[in-house]
């Protein structure tokens, strides 16, 4: 899809250099794809850690001493 956006020249140069892509459009698509994937992972981790874990570190440590916890 063709679109027109305003991006500072410095940011665009940094994006192309950092991404390692040859063309500006490839660099932008790559950056947006990575950003979207990062946001999905962050949302997943937020949902994951909202729930209380069924065990604690001290429980695991005690059970390992008794050889009842396997990882």
PDB file of N, CA and C in Angstrom:
ATOM      1  N   UNK A   1       0.850  -1.165   0.000  1.00  0.00           N
ATOM      2  CA  UNK A   1       0.000   0.000   0.000  1.00  0.00           C
ATOM      3  C   UNK A   1       0.900   1.234   0.000  1.00  0.00           C
ATOM      4  N   UNK A   2       0.602   2.140  -0.838  1.00  0.00           N
ATOM      5  CA  UNK A   2       1.351   3.394  -0.908  1.00  0.00           C
ATOM      6  C   UNK A   2       0.776   4.391   0.069  1.00  0.00           C
ATOM      7  N   UNK A   3       1.663   5.081   0.763  1.00  0.00           N
ATOM      8  CA  UNK A   3       1.218   6.092   1.710  1.00  0.00           C
ATOM      9  C   UNK A   3       2.271   7.191   1.816  1.00  0.00           C
ATOM     10  N   UNK A   4       1.861   8.339   2.272  1.00  0.00           N
ATOM     11  CA  UNK A   4       2.779   9.454   2.454  1.00  0.00           C
ATOM     12  C   UNK A   4       2.859   9.765   3.943  1.00  0.00           C
ATOM     13  N   UNK A   5       4.087   9.768   4.472  1.00  0.00           N
ATOM     14  CA  UNK A   5       4.285  10.086   5.878  1.00  0.00           C
ATOM     15  C   UNK A   5       5.457  11.054   6.006  1.00  0.00           C
ATOM     16  N   UNK A   6       5.491  11.759   7.111  1.00  0.00           N
ATOM     17  CA  UNK A   6       6.582  12.681   7.372  1.00  0.00           C
ATOM     18  C   UNK A   6       7.453  12.097   8.478  1.00  0.00           C
ATOM     19  N   UNK A   7       8.723  11.838   8.137  1.00  0.00           N
ATOM     20  CA  UNK A   7       9.678  11.265   9.082  1.00  0.00           C
ATOM     21  C   UNK A   7      10.934  12.130   9.043  1.00  0.00           C
ATOM     22  N   UNK A   8      11.500  12.384  10.200  1.00  0.00           N
ATOM     23  CA  UNK A   8      12.723  13.187  10.217  1.00  0.00           C
ATOM     24  C   UNK A   8      13.832  12.434   9.478  1.00  0.00           C
ATOM     25  N   UNK A   9      14.697  13.190   8.836  1.00  0.00           N
ATOM     26  CA  UNK A   9      15.765  12.607   8.041  1.00  0.00           C
ATOM     27  C   UNK A   9      16.726  11.783   8.900  1.00  0.00           C
ATOM     28  N   UNK A  10      17.049  12.293  10.084  1.00  0.00           N
ATOM     29  CA  UNK A  10      17.960  11.580  10.983  1.00  0.00           C
ATOM     30  C   UNK A  10      17.387  10.224  11.399  1.00  0.00           C
ATOM     31  N   UNK A  11      16.119  10.218  11.756  1.00  0.00           N
ATOM     32  CA  UNK A  11      15.477   8.974  12.166  1.00  0.00           C
ATOM     33  C   UNK A  11      15.440   7.981  11.013  1.00  0.00           C
ATOM     34  N   UNK A  12      15.156   8.461   9.830  1.00  0.00           N
ATOM     35  CA  UNK A  12      15.100   7.592   8.657  1.00  0.00           C
ATOM     36  C   UNK A  12      16.475   6.995   8.361  1.00  0.00           C
ATOM     37  N   UNK A  13      17.524   7.803   8.451  1.00  0.00           N
ATOM     38  CA  UNK A  13      18.883   7.308   8.213  1.00  0.00           C
ATOM     39  C   UNK A  13      19.272   6.266   9.258  1.00  0.00           C
ATOM     40  N   UNK A  14      18.950   6.533  10.527  1.00  0.00           N
ATOM     41  CA  UNK A  14      19.248   5.578  11.595  1.00  0.00           C
ATOM     42  C   UNK A  14      18.510   4.265  11.371  1.00  0.00           C
ATOM     43  N   UNK A  15      17.254   4.368  10.942  1.00  0.00           N
ATOM     44  CA  UNK A  15      16.444   3.170  10.716  1.00  0.00           C
ATOM     45  C   UNK A  15      17.030   2.321   9.598  1.00  0.00           C
ATOM     46  N   UNK A  16      17.414   2.945   8.512  1.00  0.00           N
ATOM     47  CA  UNK A  16      17.997   2.208   7.384  1.00  0.00           C
ATOM     48  C   UNK A  16      19.320   1.572   7.809  1.00  0.00           C
ATOM     49  N   UNK A  17      20.139   2.322   8.522  1.00  0.00           N
ATOM     50  CA  UNK A  17      21.444   1.804   8.956  1.00  0.00           C
ATOM     51  C   UNK A  17      21.278   0.652   9.944  1.00  0.00           C
ATOM     52  N   UNK A  18      20.393   0.824  10.920  1.00  0.00           N
ATOM     53  CA  UNK A  18      20.191  -0.188  11.952  1.00  0.00           C
ATOM     54  C   UNK A  18      19.573  -1.464  11.391  1.00  0.00           C
ATOM     55  N   UNK A  19      18.637  -1.313  10.473  1.00  0.00           N
ATOM     56  CA  UNK A  19      17.943  -2.486   9.932  1.00  0.00           C
ATOM     57  C   UNK A  19      18.823  -3.292   8.990  1.00  0.00           C
ATOM     58  N   UNK A  20      19.813  -2.638   8.386  1.00  0.00           N
ATOM     59  CA  UNK A  20      20.672  -3.343   7.441  1.00  0.00           C
ATOM     60  C   UNK A  20      20.023  -3.554   6.085  1.00  0.00           C
ATOM     61  N   UNK A  21      18.902  -2.918   5.868  1.00  0.00           N
ATOM     62  CA  UNK A  21      18.201  -3.045   4.591  1.00  0.00           C
ATOM     63  C   UNK A  21      18.800  -2.084   3.575  1.00  0.00           C
ATOM     64  N   UNK A  22      18.568  -2.397   2.302  1.00  0.00           N
ATOM     65  CA  UNK A  22      19.146  -1.583   1.235  1.00  0.00           C
ATOM     66  C   UNK A  22      18.261  -0.398   0.877  1.00  0.00           C
ATOM     67  N   UNK A  23      16.960  -0.592   0.978  1.00  0.00           N
ATOM     68  CA  UNK A  23      16.016   0.440   0.569  1.00  0.00           C
ATOM     69  C   UNK A  23      15.232   0.953   1.770  1.00  0.00           C
ATOM     70  N   UNK A  24      14.792   2.203   1.668  1.00  0.00           N
ATOM     71  CA  UNK A  24      14.072   2.853   2.766  1.00  0.00           C
ATOM     72  C   UNK A  24      12.770   2.121   3.064  1.00  0.00           C
ATOM     73  N   UNK A  25      12.007   1.770   2.044  1.00  0.00           N
ATOM     74  CA  UNK A  25      10.719   1.113   2.286  1.00  0.00           C
ATOM     75  C   UNK A  25      10.911  -0.236   2.975  1.00  0.00           C
ATOM     76  N   UNK A  26      11.963  -0.980   2.606  1.00  0.00           N
ATOM     77  CA  UNK A  26      12.247  -2.253   3.276  1.00  0.00           C
ATOM     78  C   UNK A  26      12.580  -2.029   4.750  1.00  0.00           C
ATOM     79  N   UNK A  27      13.339  -0.981   5.015  1.00  0.00           N
ATOM     80  CA  UNK A  27      13.717  -0.674   6.396  1.00  0.00           C
ATOM     81  C   UNK A  27      12.496  -0.313   7.232  1.00  0.00           C
ATOM     82  N   UNK A  28      11.597   0.456   6.661  1.00  0.00           N
ATOM     83  CA  UNK A  28      10.387   0.853   7.392  1.00  0.00           C
ATOM     84  C   UNK A  28       9.497  -0.352   7.653  1.00  0.00           C
ATOM     85  N   UNK A  29       9.310  -1.187   6.636  1.00  0.00           N
ATOM     86  CA  UNK A  29       8.475  -2.385   6.809  1.00  0.00           C
ATOM     87  C   UNK A  29       9.094  -3.300   7.855  1.00  0.00           C
ATOM     88  N   UNK A  30      10.403  -3.474   7.800  1.00  0.00           N
ATOM     89  CA  UNK A  30      11.093  -4.319   8.773  1.00  0.00           C
ATOM     90  C   UNK A  30      10.931  -3.766  10.188  1.00  0.00           C
ATOM     91  N   UNK A  31      11.097  -2.474  10.343  1.00  0.00           N
ATOM     92  CA  UNK A  31      10.966  -1.843  11.666  1.00  0.00           C
ATOM     93  C   UNK A  31       9.553  -1.969  12.204  1.00  0.00           C
ATOM     94  N   UNK A  32       8.564  -1.745  11.363  1.00  0.00           N
ATOM     95  CA  UNK A  32       7.171  -1.861  11.807  1.00  0.00           C
ATOM     96  C   UNK A  32       6.829  -3.301  12.176  1.00  0.00           C
ATOM     97  N   UNK A  33       7.343  -4.249  11.412  1.00  0.00           N
ATOM     98  CA  UNK A  33       7.096  -5.663  11.707  1.00  0.00           C
ATOM     99  C   UNK A  33       7.708  -6.045  13.050  1.00  0.00           C
ATOM    100  N   UNK A  34       8.954  -5.620  13.278  1.00  0.00           N
ATOM    101  CA  UNK A  34       9.608  -5.912  14.550  1.00  0.00           C
ATOM    102  C   UNK A  34       8.891  -5.230  15.711  1.00  0.00           C
ATOM    103  N   UNK A  35       8.439  -4.011  15.514  1.00  0.00           N
ATOM    104  CA  UNK A  35       7.723  -3.289  16.566  1.00  0.00           C
ATOM    105  C   UNK A  35       6.424  -4.021  16.921  1.00  0.00           C
ATOM    106  N   UNK A  36       5.696  -4.456  15.898  1.00  0.00           N
ATOM    107  CA  UNK A  36       4.437  -5.154  16.129  1.00  0.00           C
ATOM    108  C   UNK A  36       4.682  -6.469  16.885  1.00  0.00           C
ATOM    109  N   UNK A  37       5.701  -7.212  16.484  1.00  0.00           N
ATOM    110  CA  UNK A  37       6.033  -8.468  17.164  1.00  0.00           C
ATOM    111  C   UNK A  37       6.422  -8.213  18.622  1.00  0.00           C
ATOM    112  N   UNK A  38       7.183  -7.154  18.858  1.00  0.00           N
ATOM    113  CA  UNK A  38       7.574  -6.802  20.219  1.00  0.00           C
ATOM    114  C   UNK A  38       6.358  -6.467  21.073  1.00  0.00           C
ATOM    115  N   UNK A  39       5.431  -5.683  20.545  1.00  0.00           N
ATOM    116  CA  UNK A  39       4.219  -5.330  21.288  1.00  0.00           C
ATOM    117  C   UNK A  39       3.389  -6.578  21.607  1.00  0.00           C
ATOM    118  N   UNK A  40       3.305  -7.517  20.661  1.00  0.00           N
ATOM    119  CA  UNK A  40       2.566  -8.756  20.924  1.00  0.00           C
ATOM    120  C   UNK A  40       3.212  -9.542  22.059  1.00  0.00           C
ATOM    121  N   UNK A  41       4.555  -9.633  22.049  1.00  0.00           N
ATOM    122  CA  UNK A  41       5.253 -10.345  23.131  1.00  0.00           C
ATOM    123  C   UNK A  41       5.045  -9.648  24.463  1.00  0.00           C
ATOM    124  N   UNK A  42       5.103  -8.325  24.466  1.00  0.00           N
ATOM    125  CA  UNK A  42       4.900  -7.572  25.707  1.00  0.00           C
ATOM    126  C   UNK A  42       3.479  -7.773  26.238  1.00  0.00           C
ATOM    127  N   UNK A  43       2.483  -7.754  25.372  1.00  0.00           N
ATOM    128  CA  UNK A  43       1.098  -7.988  25.796  1.00  0.00           C
ATOM    129  C   UNK A  43       0.938  -9.394  26.363  1.00  0.00           C
ATOM    130  N   UNK A  44       1.580 -10.367  25.723  1.00  0.00           N
ATOM    131  CA  UNK A  44       1.509 -11.744  26.210  1.00  0.00           C
ATOM    132  C   UNK A  44       2.121 -11.841  27.609  1.00  0.00           C
ATOM    133  N   UNK A  45       3.289 -11.219  27.807  1.00  0.00           N
ATOM    134  CA  UNK A  45       3.940 -11.267  29.117  1.00  0.00           C
ATOM    135  C   UNK A  45       3.112 -10.554  30.183  1.00  0.00           C
ATOM    136  N   UNK A  46       2.482  -9.449  29.828  1.00  0.00           N
ATOM    137  CA  UNK A  46       1.630  -8.748  30.793  1.00  0.00           C
ATOM    138  C   UNK A  46       0.475  -9.637  31.228  1.00  0.00           C
ATOM    139  N   UNK A  47      -0.166 -10.320  30.283  1.00  0.00           N
ATOM    140  CA  UNK A  47      -1.271 -11.224  30.613  1.00  0.00           C
ATOM    141  C   UNK A  47      -0.767 -12.401  31.441  1.00  0.00           C
ATOM    142  N   UNK A  48       0.404 -12.907  31.099  1.00  0.00           N
ATOM    143  CA  UNK A  48       0.962 -14.065  31.793  1.00  0.00           C
ATOM    144  C   UNK A  48       1.242 -13.760  33.254  1.00  0.00           C
ATOM    145  N   UNK A  49       1.791 -12.579  33.542  1.00  0.00           N
ATOM    146  CA  UNK A  49       2.179 -12.253  34.902  1.00  0.00           C
ATOM    147  C   UNK A  49       1.084 -11.560  35.704  1.00  0.00           C
ATOM    148  N   UNK A  50      -0.104 -11.427  35.149  1.00  0.00           N
ATOM    149  CA  UNK A  50      -1.225 -10.910  35.924  1.00  0.00           C
ATOM    150  C   UNK A  50      -1.767 -11.974  36.864  1.00  0.00           C
ATOM    151  N   UNK A  51      -1.554 -13.238  36.513  1.00  0.00           N
ATOM    152  CA  UNK A  51      -2.055 -14.341  37.329  1.00  0.00           C
ATOM    153  C   UNK A  51      -1.014 -14.748  38.357  1.00  0.00           C
ATOM    154  N   UNK A  52      -1.496 -15.091  39.543  1.00  0.00           N
ATOM    155  CA  UNK A  52      -0.597 -15.538  40.599  1.00  0.00           C
ATOM    156  C   UNK A  52      -0.094 -16.935  40.262  1.00  0.00           C
ATOM    157  N   UNK A  53       1.193 -17.137  40.441  1.00  0.00           N
ATOM    158  CA  UNK A  53       1.782 -18.438  40.162  1.00  0.00           C
ATOM    159  C   UNK A  53       1.372 -19.443  41.235  1.00  0.00           C
ATOM    160  N   UNK A  54       1.216 -20.712  40.878  1.00  0.00           N
ATOM    161  CA  UNK A  54       0.791 -21.721  41.858  1.00  0.00           C
ATOM    162  C   UNK A  54       1.910 -22.138  42.815  1.00  0.00           C
ATOM    163  N   UNK A  55       3.110 -21.624  42.625  1.00  0.00           N
ATOM    164  CA  UNK A  55       4.223 -21.979  43.488  1.00  0.00           C
ATOM    165  C   UNK A  55       5.119 -20.754  43.665  1.00  0.00           C
ATOM    166  N   UNK A  56       5.963 -20.814  44.661  1.00  0.00           N
ATOM    167  CA  UNK A  56       6.898 -19.724  44.920  1.00  0.00           C
ATOM    168  C   UNK A  56       8.319 -20.270  44.871  1.00  0.00           C
ATOM    169  N   UNK A  57       9.272 -19.367  44.882  1.00  0.00           N
ATOM    170  CA  UNK A  57      10.667 -19.789  44.853  1.00  0.00           C
ATOM    171  C   UNK A  57      11.018 -20.613  46.083  1.00  0.00           C
ATOM    172  N   UNK A  58      10.523 -20.181  47.229  1.00  0.00           N
ATOM    173  CA  UNK A  58      10.835 -20.919  48.462  1.00  0.00           C
ATOM    174  C   UNK A  58      10.229 -22.325  48.430  1.00  0.00           C
ATOM    175  N   UNK A  59       9.030 -22.481  47.871  1.00  0.00           N
ATOM    176  CA  UNK A  59       8.423 -23.810  47.738  1.00  0.00           C
ATOM    177  C   UNK A  59       9.275 -24.697  46.837  1.00  0.00           C
ATOM    178  N   UNK A  60       9.711 -24.160  45.722  1.00  0.00           N
ATOM    179  CA  UNK A  60      10.525 -24.927  44.785  1.00  0.00           C
ATOM    180  C   UNK A  60      11.831 -25.342  45.457  1.00  0.00           C
ATOM    181  N   UNK A  61      12.445 -24.420  46.184  1.00  0.00           N
ATOM    182  CA  UNK A  61      13.702 -24.707  46.861  1.00  0.00           C
ATOM    183  C   UNK A  61      13.539 -25.836  47.874  1.00  0.00           C
ATOM    184  N   UNK A  62      12.465 -25.780  48.669  1.00  0.00           N
ATOM    185  CA  UNK A  62      12.204 -26.841  49.659  1.00  0.00           C
ATOM    186  C   UNK A  62      11.971 -28.184  48.967  1.00  0.00           C
ATOM    187  N   UNK A  63      11.181 -28.165  47.901  1.00  0.00           N
ATOM    188  CA  UNK A  63      10.866 -29.420  47.217  1.00  0.00           C
ATOM    189  C   UNK A  63      12.082 -30.002  46.503  1.00  0.00           C
ATOM    190  N   UNK A  64      12.970 -29.148  46.030  1.00  0.00           N
ATOM    191  CA  UNK A  64      14.192 -29.652  45.404  1.00  0.00           C
ATOM    192  C   UNK A  64      15.082 -30.342  46.430  1.00  0.00           C
ATOM    193  N   UNK A  65      15.127 -29.792  47.643  1.00  0.00           N
ATOM    194  CA  UNK A  65      15.911 -30.435  48.697  1.00  0.00           C
ATOM    195  C   UNK A  65      15.352 -31.820  49.006  1.00  0.00           C
ATOM    196  N   UNK A  66      14.021 -31.955  48.947  1.00  0.00           N
ATOM    197  CA  UNK A  66      13.367 -33.235  49.210  1.00  0.00           C
ATOM    198  C   UNK A  66      13.283 -34.098  47.950  1.00  0.00           C
ATOM    199  N   UNK A  67      13.797 -33.545  46.830  1.00  0.00           N
ATOM    200  CA  UNK A  67      13.770 -34.218  45.519  1.00  0.00           C
ATOM    201  C   UNK A  67      12.351 -34.486  45.039  1.00  0.00           C
ATOM    202  N   UNK A  68      11.456 -33.509  45.275  1.00  0.00           N
ATOM    203  CA  UNK A  68      10.073 -33.628  44.824  1.00  0.00           C
ATOM    204  C   UNK A  68       9.761 -32.685  43.675  1.00  0.00           C
ATOM    205  N   UNK A  69      10.684 -31.792  43.342  1.00  0.00           N
ATOM    206  CA  UNK A  69      10.437 -30.819  42.272  1.00  0.00           C
ATOM    207  C   UNK A  69      11.383 -31.133  41.122  1.00  0.00           C
ATOM    208  N   UNK A  70      10.816 -31.263  39.940  1.00  0.00           N
ATOM    209  CA  UNK A  70      11.627 -31.545  38.757  1.00  0.00           C
ATOM    210  C   UNK A  70      11.448 -30.425  37.761  1.00  0.00           C
ATOM    211  N   UNK A  71      12.531 -29.981  37.167  1.00  0.00           N
ATOM    212  CA  UNK A  71      12.443 -28.935  36.161  1.00  0.00           C
ATOM    213  C   UNK A  71      12.880 -29.430  34.811  1.00  0.00           C
TER     214      UNK A  71
END
